[in-house]
PDB file of N, CA and C in Angstrom:
ATOM      1  N   UNK A   1     123.564  79.079  69.711  1.00  0.00           N
ATOM      2  CA  UNK A   1     122.062  80.253  70.600  1.00  0.00           C
ATOM      3  C   UNK A   1     122.067  80.830  68.937  1.00  0.00           C
ATOM      4  N   UNK A   2     120.690  80.825  69.104  1.00  0.00           N
ATOM      5  CA  UNK A   2     120.218  81.890  67.783  1.00  0.00           C
ATOM      6  C   UNK A   2     120.192  82.895  68.250  1.00  0.00           C
ATOM      7  N   UNK A   3     120.146  83.556  67.022  1.00  0.00           N
ATOM      8  CA  UNK A   3     120.663  85.224  66.817  1.00  0.00           C
ATOM      9  C   UNK A   3     119.120  85.700  66.427  1.00  0.00           C
ATOM     10  N   UNK A   4     118.847  87.125  67.004  1.00  0.00           N
ATOM     11  CA  UNK A   4     117.421  87.695  66.840  1.00  0.00           C
ATOM     12  C   UNK A   4     118.128  89.025  66.120  1.00  0.00           C
ATOM     13  N   UNK A   5     117.033  89.888  65.484  1.00  0.00           N
ATOM     14  CA  UNK A   5     117.159  90.838  64.872  1.00  0.00           C
ATOM     15  C   UNK A   5     116.212  92.004  65.626  1.00  0.00           C
ATOM     16  N   UNK A   6     116.567  93.078  66.165  1.00  0.00           N
ATOM     17  CA  UNK A   6     115.523  93.718  66.462  1.00  0.00           C
ATOM     18  C   UNK A   6     115.285  95.107  66.036  1.00  0.00           C
ATOM     19  N   UNK A   7     114.560  95.197  64.832  1.00  0.00           N
ATOM     20  CA  UNK A   7     113.740  96.687  63.770  1.00  0.00           C
ATOM     21  C   UNK A   7     113.004  96.899  64.276  1.00  0.00           C
ATOM     22  N   UNK A   8     113.205  98.488  64.499  1.00  0.00           N
ATOM     23  CA  UNK A   8     112.636  99.585  65.346  1.00  0.00           C
ATOM     24  C   UNK A   8     111.662  99.833  64.314  1.00  0.00           C
ATOM     25  N   UNK A   9     110.600  99.868  63.882  1.00  0.00           N
ATOM     26  CA  UNK A   9     109.617 100.866  63.161  1.00  0.00           C
ATOM     27  C   UNK A   9     109.106 101.886  64.314  1.00  0.00           C
ATOM     28  N   UNK A  10     108.885 103.845  63.957  1.00  0.00           N
ATOM     29  CA  UNK A  10     108.621 104.245  63.917  1.00  0.00           C
ATOM     30  C   UNK A  10     107.948 104.926  63.418  1.00  0.00           C
ATOM     31  N   UNK A  11     106.392 105.295  63.589  1.00  0.00           N
ATOM     32  CA  UNK A  11     105.438 105.766  62.127  1.00  0.00           C
ATOM     33  C   UNK A  11     106.060 104.712  60.998  1.00  0.00           C
ATOM     34  N   UNK A  12     106.633 105.480  59.771  1.00  0.00           N
ATOM     35  CA  UNK A  12     106.729 105.082  58.689  1.00  0.00           C
ATOM     36  C   UNK A  12     107.808 104.773  58.773  1.00  0.00           C
ATOM     37  N   UNK A  13     108.815 105.026  59.597  1.00  0.00           N
ATOM     38  CA  UNK A  13     110.649 104.996  59.109  1.00  0.00           C
ATOM     39  C   UNK A  13     110.929 103.381  60.368  1.00  0.00           C
ATOM     40  N   UNK A  14     111.655 102.546  59.345  1.00  0.00           N
ATOM     41  CA  UNK A  14     112.230 101.397  59.872  1.00  0.00           C
ATOM     42  C   UNK A  14     113.660 101.597  60.021  1.00  0.00           C
ATOM     43  N   UNK A  15     114.271 101.423  61.714  1.00  0.00           N
ATOM     44  CA  UNK A  15     115.585 101.346  61.411  1.00  0.00           C
ATOM     45  C   UNK A  15     116.097 100.166  61.716  1.00  0.00           C
ATOM     46  N   UNK A  16     117.088  99.215  60.835  1.00  0.00           N
ATOM     47  CA  UNK A  16     117.170  97.542  61.193  1.00  0.00           C
ATOM     48  C   UNK A  16     118.087  97.632  61.569  1.00  0.00           C
ATOM     49  N   UNK A  17     118.113  96.364  62.069  1.00  0.00           N
ATOM     50  CA  UNK A  17     119.604  95.694  62.796  1.00  0.00           C
ATOM     51  C   UNK A  17     120.412  95.094  62.480  1.00  0.00           C
ATOM     52  N   UNK A  18     121.248  95.592  61.961  1.00  0.00           N
ATOM     53  CA  UNK A  18     122.103  94.978  61.187  1.00  0.00           C
ATOM     54  C   UNK A  18     123.334  93.034  61.911  1.00  0.00           C
ATOM     55  N   UNK A  19     123.415  93.774  63.256  1.00  0.00           N
ATOM     56  CA  UNK A  19     123.905  92.591  63.560  1.00  0.00           C
ATOM     57  C   UNK A  19     123.354  91.457  64.750  1.00  0.00           C
ATOM     58  N   UNK A  20     122.124  92.119  64.924  1.00  0.00           N
ATOM     59  CA  UNK A  20     121.734  90.971  65.761  1.00  0.00           C
ATOM     60  C   UNK A  20     122.347  90.803  66.884  1.00  0.00           C
ATOM     61  N   UNK A  21     121.563  89.352  67.958  1.00  0.00           N
ATOM     62  CA  UNK A  21     122.061  89.190  69.169  1.00  0.00           C
ATOM     63  C   UNK A  21     121.523  87.920  69.381  1.00  0.00           C
ATOM     64  N   UNK A  22     122.896  87.411  70.275  1.00  0.00           N
ATOM     65  CA  UNK A  22     122.722  85.804  70.508  1.00  0.00           C
ATOM     66  C   UNK A  22     121.853  85.940  71.580  1.00  0.00           C
ATOM     67  N   UNK A  23     120.643  85.085  71.385  1.00  0.00           N
ATOM     68  CA  UNK A  23     120.048  85.129  73.127  1.00  0.00           C
ATOM     69  C   UNK A  23     119.225  83.488  72.653  1.00  0.00           C
ATOM     70  N   UNK A  24     119.110  83.316  73.981  1.00  0.00           N
ATOM     71  CA  UNK A  24     118.401  81.796  74.166  1.00  0.00           C
ATOM     72  C   UNK A  24     117.541  81.340  73.744  1.00  0.00           C
ATOM     73  N   UNK A  25     115.995  82.486  73.982  1.00  0.00           N
ATOM     74  CA  UNK A  25     115.273  82.046  73.548  1.00  0.00           C
ATOM     75  C   UNK A  25     114.382  83.003  72.966  1.00  0.00           C
ATOM     76  N   UNK A  26     112.832  82.946  72.448  1.00  0.00           N
ATOM     77  CA  UNK A  26     112.468  84.141  72.435  1.00  0.00           C
ATOM     78  C   UNK A  26     112.123  85.197  73.114  1.00  0.00           C
ATOM     79  N   UNK A  27     111.484  84.255  74.735  1.00  0.00           N
ATOM     80  CA  UNK A  27     111.662  84.855  75.917  1.00  0.00           C
ATOM     81  C   UNK A  27     112.326  85.565  76.138  1.00  0.00           C
ATOM     82  N   UNK A  28     113.747  85.771  75.828  1.00  0.00           N
ATOM     83  CA  UNK A  28     114.870  86.526  76.249  1.00  0.00           C
ATOM     84  C   UNK A  28     114.721  87.705  75.184  1.00  0.00           C
ATOM     85  N   UNK A  29     114.416  86.976  73.838  1.00  0.00           N
ATOM     86  CA  UNK A  29     114.390  88.323  73.110  1.00  0.00           C
ATOM     87  C   UNK A  29     113.091  89.573  73.146  1.00  0.00           C
ATOM     88  N   UNK A  30     111.897  89.009  73.926  1.00  0.00           N
ATOM     89  CA  UNK A  30     111.062  89.477  74.455  1.00  0.00           C
ATOM     90  C   UNK A  30     111.090  90.956  75.420  1.00  0.00           C
ATOM     91  N   UNK A  31     112.231  90.139  76.360  1.00  0.00           N
ATOM     92  CA  UNK A  31     112.762  91.029  77.508  1.00  0.00           C
ATOM     93  C   UNK A  31     113.749  91.964  76.990  1.00  0.00           C
ATOM     94  N   UNK A  32     114.713  91.928  75.682  1.00  0.00           N
ATOM     95  CA  UNK A  32     114.982  92.293  75.465  1.00  0.00           C
ATOM     96  C   UNK A  32     115.178  93.778  74.337  1.00  0.00           C
ATOM     97  N   UNK A  33     113.546  92.876  73.946  1.00  0.00           N
ATOM     98  CA  UNK A  33     113.238  94.136  72.965  1.00  0.00           C
ATOM     99  C   UNK A  33     112.095  94.752  74.055  1.00  0.00           C
ATOM    100  N   UNK A  34     111.965  94.611  75.106  1.00  0.00           N
ATOM    101  CA  UNK A  34     110.867  96.019  76.022  1.00  0.00           C
ATOM    102  C   UNK A  34     112.122  96.604  76.726  1.00  0.00           C
ATOM    103  N   UNK A  35     113.290  96.062  76.624  1.00  0.00           N
ATOM    104  CA  UNK A  35     114.341  96.926  77.576  1.00  0.00           C
ATOM    105  C   UNK A  35     114.673  97.915  76.681  1.00  0.00           C
ATOM    106  N   UNK A  36     115.181  97.836  75.230  1.00  0.00           N
ATOM    107  CA  UNK A  36     115.054  98.868  73.901  1.00  0.00           C
ATOM    108  C   UNK A  36     113.822  99.785  74.194  1.00  0.00           C
ATOM    109  N   UNK A  37     112.659  99.775  74.072  1.00  0.00           N
ATOM    110  CA  UNK A  37     111.745  99.803  73.956  1.00  0.00           C
ATOM    111  C   UNK A  37     111.707 101.120  75.040  1.00  0.00           C
ATOM    112  N   UNK A  38     111.670 100.501  76.219  1.00  0.00           N
ATOM    113  CA  UNK A  38     112.150 101.461  77.311  1.00  0.00           C
ATOM    114  C   UNK A  38     113.303 102.888  77.550  1.00  0.00           C
ATOM    115  N   UNK A  39     114.624 102.155  76.733  1.00  0.00           N
ATOM    116  CA  UNK A  39     115.220 102.921  76.682  1.00  0.00           C
ATOM    117  C   UNK A  39     115.136 104.030  75.655  1.00  0.00           C
ATOM    118  N   UNK A  40     114.740 103.567  74.322  1.00  0.00           N
ATOM    119  CA  UNK A  40     114.898 104.529  73.449  1.00  0.00           C
ATOM    120  C   UNK A  40     113.047 105.404  74.216  1.00  0.00           C
ATOM    121  N   UNK A  41     112.262 105.279  74.853  1.00  0.00           N
ATOM    122  CA  UNK A  41     111.593 106.404  75.062  1.00  0.00           C
ATOM    123  C   UNK A  41     111.943 107.004  76.189  1.00  0.00           C
ATOM    124  N   UNK A  42     112.501 106.783  76.724  1.00  0.00           N
ATOM    125  CA  UNK A  42     113.544 107.710  77.757  1.00  0.00           C
ATOM    126  C   UNK A  42     114.557 108.542  76.734  1.00  0.00           C
ATOM    127  N   UNK A  43     114.466 108.290  75.651  1.00  0.00           N
ATOM    128  CA  UNK A  43     115.683 109.023  74.974  1.00  0.00           C
ATOM    129  C   UNK A  43     114.869 110.606  74.275  1.00  0.00           C
ATOM    130  N   UNK A  44     115.861 112.056  74.628  1.00  0.00           N
ATOM    131  CA  UNK A  44     115.152 112.722  73.585  1.00  0.00           C
ATOM    132  C   UNK A  44     115.677 113.040  72.542  1.00  0.00           C
ATOM    133  N   UNK A  45     114.007 113.213  71.794  1.00  0.00           N
ATOM    134  CA  UNK A  45     114.876 113.205  70.078  1.00  0.00           C
ATOM    135  C   UNK A  45     114.211 114.683  69.934  1.00  0.00           C
ATOM    136  N   UNK A  46     114.742 115.303  68.839  1.00  0.00           N
ATOM    137  CA  UNK A  46     114.566 116.588  68.221  1.00  0.00           C
ATOM    138  C   UNK A  46     113.007 117.095  68.166  1.00  0.00           C
ATOM    139  N   UNK A  47     112.505 116.237  67.549  1.00  0.00           N
ATOM    140  CA  UNK A  47     110.831 116.015  67.042  1.00  0.00           C
ATOM    141  C   UNK A  47     110.139 114.861  68.301  1.00  0.00           C
ATOM    142  N   UNK A  48     108.842 115.104  68.514  1.00  0.00           N
ATOM    143  CA  UNK A  48     108.129 114.294  69.135  1.00  0.00           C
ATOM    144  C   UNK A  48     107.754 112.952  68.611  1.00  0.00           C
ATOM    145  N   UNK A  49     108.051 111.920  69.322  1.00  0.00           N
ATOM    146  CA  UNK A  49     107.635 110.653  68.953  1.00  0.00           C
ATOM    147  C   UNK A  49     105.888 109.812  69.403  1.00  0.00           C
ATOM    148  N   UNK A  50     105.166 109.518  68.046  1.00  0.00           N
ATOM    149  CA  UNK A  50     104.155 108.951  68.924  1.00  0.00           C
ATOM    150  C   UNK A  50     104.644 107.559  68.941  1.00  0.00           C
ATOM    151  N   UNK A  51     104.926 107.105  70.420  1.00  0.00           N
ATOM    152  CA  UNK A  51     105.305 106.339  70.468  1.00  0.00           C
ATOM    153  C   UNK A  51     104.246 104.504  70.134  1.00  0.00           C
ATOM    154  N   UNK A  52     103.004 105.265  70.500  1.00  0.00           N
ATOM    155  CA  UNK A  52     101.802 104.471  70.355  1.00  0.00           C
ATOM    156  C   UNK A  52     101.616 103.744  69.000  1.00  0.00           C
ATOM    157  N   UNK A  53     101.775 104.361  68.128  1.00  0.00           N
ATOM    158  CA  UNK A  53     102.317 103.472  66.308  1.00  0.00           C
ATOM    159  C   UNK A  53     103.817 103.137  66.329  1.00  0.00           C
ATOM    160  N   UNK A  54     104.313 102.571  66.939  1.00  0.00           N
ATOM    161  CA  UNK A  54     105.488 102.220  66.848  1.00  0.00           C
ATOM    162  C   UNK A  54     105.904 100.604  67.601  1.00  0.00           C
ATOM    163  N   UNK A  55     106.533  99.953  67.169  1.00  0.00           N
ATOM    164  CA  UNK A  55     106.859  98.935  67.665  1.00  0.00           C
ATOM    165  C   UNK A  55     108.215  98.214  66.749  1.00  0.00           C
ATOM    166  N   UNK A  56     108.702  96.470  67.888  1.00  0.00           N
ATOM    167  CA  UNK A  56     110.173  96.562  67.728  1.00  0.00           C
ATOM    168  C   UNK A  56     109.699  95.172  67.043  1.00  0.00           C
ATOM    169  N   UNK A  57     110.281  94.836  65.902  1.00  0.00           N
ATOM    170  CA  UNK A  57     109.964  93.256  64.827  1.00  0.00           C
ATOM    171  C   UNK A  57     111.416  93.036  65.511  1.00  0.00           C
ATOM    172  N   UNK A  58     111.280  91.428  66.178  1.00  0.00           N
ATOM    173  CA  UNK A  58     111.805  90.824  66.299  1.00  0.00           C
ATOM    174  C   UNK A  58     112.210  89.438  65.037  1.00  0.00           C
ATOM    175  N   UNK A  59     113.548  89.517  64.681  1.00  0.00           N
ATOM    176  CA  UNK A  59     113.173  88.171  63.546  1.00  0.00           C
ATOM    177  C   UNK A  59     114.386  87.256  64.386  1.00  0.00           C
ATOM    178  N   UNK A  60     114.853  86.343  63.302  1.00  0.00           N
ATOM    179  CA  UNK A  60     115.321  85.112  63.124  1.00  0.00           C
ATOM    180  C   UNK A  60     116.219  85.020  62.399  1.00  0.00           C
ATOM    181  N   UNK A  61     117.740  84.106  62.542  1.00  0.00           N
ATOM    182  CA  UNK A  61     118.347  84.213  61.394  1.00  0.00           C
ATOM    183  C   UNK A  61     117.582  84.109  59.992  1.00  0.00           C
ATOM    184  N   UNK A  62     116.555  83.206  59.731  1.00  0.00           N
ATOM    185  CA  UNK A  62     116.126  83.105  58.779  1.00  0.00           C
ATOM    186  C   UNK A  62     115.021  84.087  58.116  1.00  0.00           C
ATOM    187  N   UNK A  63     115.154  85.103  59.010  1.00  0.00           N
ATOM    188  CA  UNK A  63     114.005  86.371  58.559  1.00  0.00           C
ATOM    189  C   UNK A  63     112.180  86.256  59.013  1.00  0.00           C
ATOM    190  N   UNK A  64     112.225  85.374  59.272  1.00  0.00           N
ATOM    191  CA  UNK A  64     111.241  84.739  59.522  1.00  0.00           C
ATOM    192  C   UNK A  64     110.311  85.687  61.135  1.00  0.00           C
ATOM    193  N   UNK A  65     109.594  86.824  61.203  1.00  0.00           N
ATOM    194  CA  UNK A  65     109.602  87.065  62.520  1.00  0.00           C
ATOM    195  C   UNK A  65     108.900  86.617  63.501  1.00  0.00           C
ATOM    196  N   UNK A  66     109.254  87.118  65.003  1.00  0.00           N
ATOM    197  CA  UNK A  66     109.712  85.367  65.987  1.00  0.00           C
ATOM    198  C   UNK A  66     108.613  86.754  66.778  1.00  0.00           C
ATOM    199  N   UNK A  67     108.673  87.780  66.975  1.00  0.00           N
ATOM    200  CA  UNK A  67     107.712  88.298  67.526  1.00  0.00           C
ATOM    201  C   UNK A  67     107.341  89.841  67.006  1.00  0.00           C
ATOM    202  N   UNK A  68     106.487  91.267  67.245  1.00  0.00           N
ATOM    203  CA  UNK A  68     106.087  92.284  67.466  1.00  0.00           C
ATOM    204  C   UNK A  68     105.886  92.756  68.796  1.00  0.00           C
ATOM    205  N   UNK A  69     106.684  93.229  69.176  1.00  0.00           N
ATOM    206  CA  UNK A  69     106.782  94.241  70.506  1.00  0.00           C
ATOM    207  C   UNK A  69     106.463  95.564  70.603  1.00  0.00           C
ATOM    208  N   UNK A  70     104.902  96.343  70.929  1.00  0.00           N
ATOM    209  CA  UNK A  70     104.501  97.344  70.492  1.00  0.00           C
ATOM    210  C   UNK A  70     105.269  98.053  71.737  1.00  0.00           C
ATOM    211  N   UNK A  71     105.643  99.646  71.345  1.00  0.00           N
ATOM    212  CA  UNK A  71     106.182 100.360  72.655  1.00  0.00           C
ATOM    213  C   UNK A  71     105.260 100.802  73.479  1.00  0.00           C
ATOM    214  N   UNK A  72     103.797 100.351  73.408  1.00  0.00           N
ATOM    215  CA  UNK A  72     103.096 100.924  74.170  1.00  0.00           C
ATOM    216  C   UNK A  72     103.190 100.158  75.708  1.00  0.00           C
ATOM    217  N   UNK A  73     103.284  98.565  75.044  1.00  0.00           N
ATOM    218  CA  UNK A  73     103.512  97.675  75.770  1.00  0.00           C
ATOM    219  C   UNK A  73     104.950  98.007  77.272  1.00  0.00           C
ATOM    220  N   UNK A  74     105.480  98.416  76.781  1.00  0.00           N
ATOM    221  CA  UNK A  74     106.930  99.325  77.349  1.00  0.00           C
ATOM    222  C   UNK A  74     106.251  99.817  78.285  1.00  0.00           C
ATOM    223  N   UNK A  75     105.094 100.844  78.422  1.00  0.00           N
ATOM    224  CA  UNK A  75     104.910 101.861  79.579  1.00  0.00           C
ATOM    225  C   UNK A  75     104.160 100.644  80.200  1.00  0.00           C
ATOM    226  N   UNK A  76     103.544 100.023  80.535  1.00  0.00           N
ATOM    227  CA  UNK A  76     103.096  98.845  81.786  1.00  0.00           C
ATOM    228  C   UNK A  76     104.345  98.730  82.432  1.00  0.00           C
ATOM    229  N   UNK A  77     103.685  98.465  83.860  1.00  0.00           N
ATOM    230  CA  UNK A  77     105.026  97.757  84.242  1.00  0.00           C
ATOM    231  C   UNK A  77     105.100  96.321  84.465  1.00  0.00           C
ATOM    232  N   UNK A  78     105.820  95.712  85.533  1.00  0.00           N
ATOM    233  CA  UNK A  78     106.017  94.248  85.303  1.00  0.00           C
ATOM    234  C   UNK A  78     104.333  93.293  85.427  1.00  0.00           C
ATOM    235  N   UNK A  79     103.353  94.269  86.405  1.00  0.00           N
ATOM    236  CA  UNK A  79     102.091  93.179  86.369  1.00  0.00           C
ATOM    237  C   UNK A  79     101.413  94.029  85.499  1.00  0.00           C
ATOM    238  N   UNK A  80     101.510  94.871  84.468  1.00  0.00           N
ATOM    239  CA  UNK A  80     100.097  94.816  83.340  1.00  0.00           C
ATOM    240  C   UNK A  80      99.912  96.469  84.117  1.00  0.00           C
ATOM    241  N   UNK A  81     100.240  96.900  84.875  1.00  0.00           N
ATOM    242  CA  UNK A  81     100.131  98.434  85.222  1.00  0.00           C
ATOM    243  C   UNK A  81     100.155  99.601  84.589  1.00  0.00           C
ATOM    244  N   UNK A  82      99.871 100.627  84.134  1.00  0.00           N
ATOM    245  CA  UNK A  82     100.695 101.894  83.644  1.00  0.00           C
ATOM    246  C   UNK A  82     102.098 102.427  84.599  1.00  0.00           C
ATOM    247  N   UNK A  83     102.848 102.405  84.143  1.00  0.00           N
ATOM    248  CA  UNK A  83     105.023 102.833  84.677  1.00  0.00           C
ATOM    249  C   UNK A  83     104.247 104.035  85.319  1.00  0.00           C
ATOM    250  N   UNK A  84     104.755 104.684  86.547  1.00  0.00           N
ATOM    251  CA  UNK A  84     104.766 106.002  86.749  1.00  0.00           C
ATOM    252  C   UNK A  84     105.842 106.645  85.926  1.00  0.00           C
TER     253      UNK A  84
END
C-alpha cells in the first residue's frame, strides 16, 4: 500500500508530516486531506489564520507531489456549495 505525506502550508509556514499514512490510492489521500483541513479549520488558534492562503501538499514515498488540497475546498459541502 502506498504511503502519503500531508504537509500543511499555512501562509509562509510549513508543518511537515514525517510519518505519513498508508492509503490505498490518491482518492483516499484526497479524502484524508479534506478531513484534515476541516479538522484544522475547526481548531482554535491564538492568532487568526487565513485559510484562503493555506493548503495541504500531499506527496508520495518518492517525494513527488500527488495533489495540493486548498483549504478553501474544504469549505464546500459534498455537492460543491458552501458549507453552513
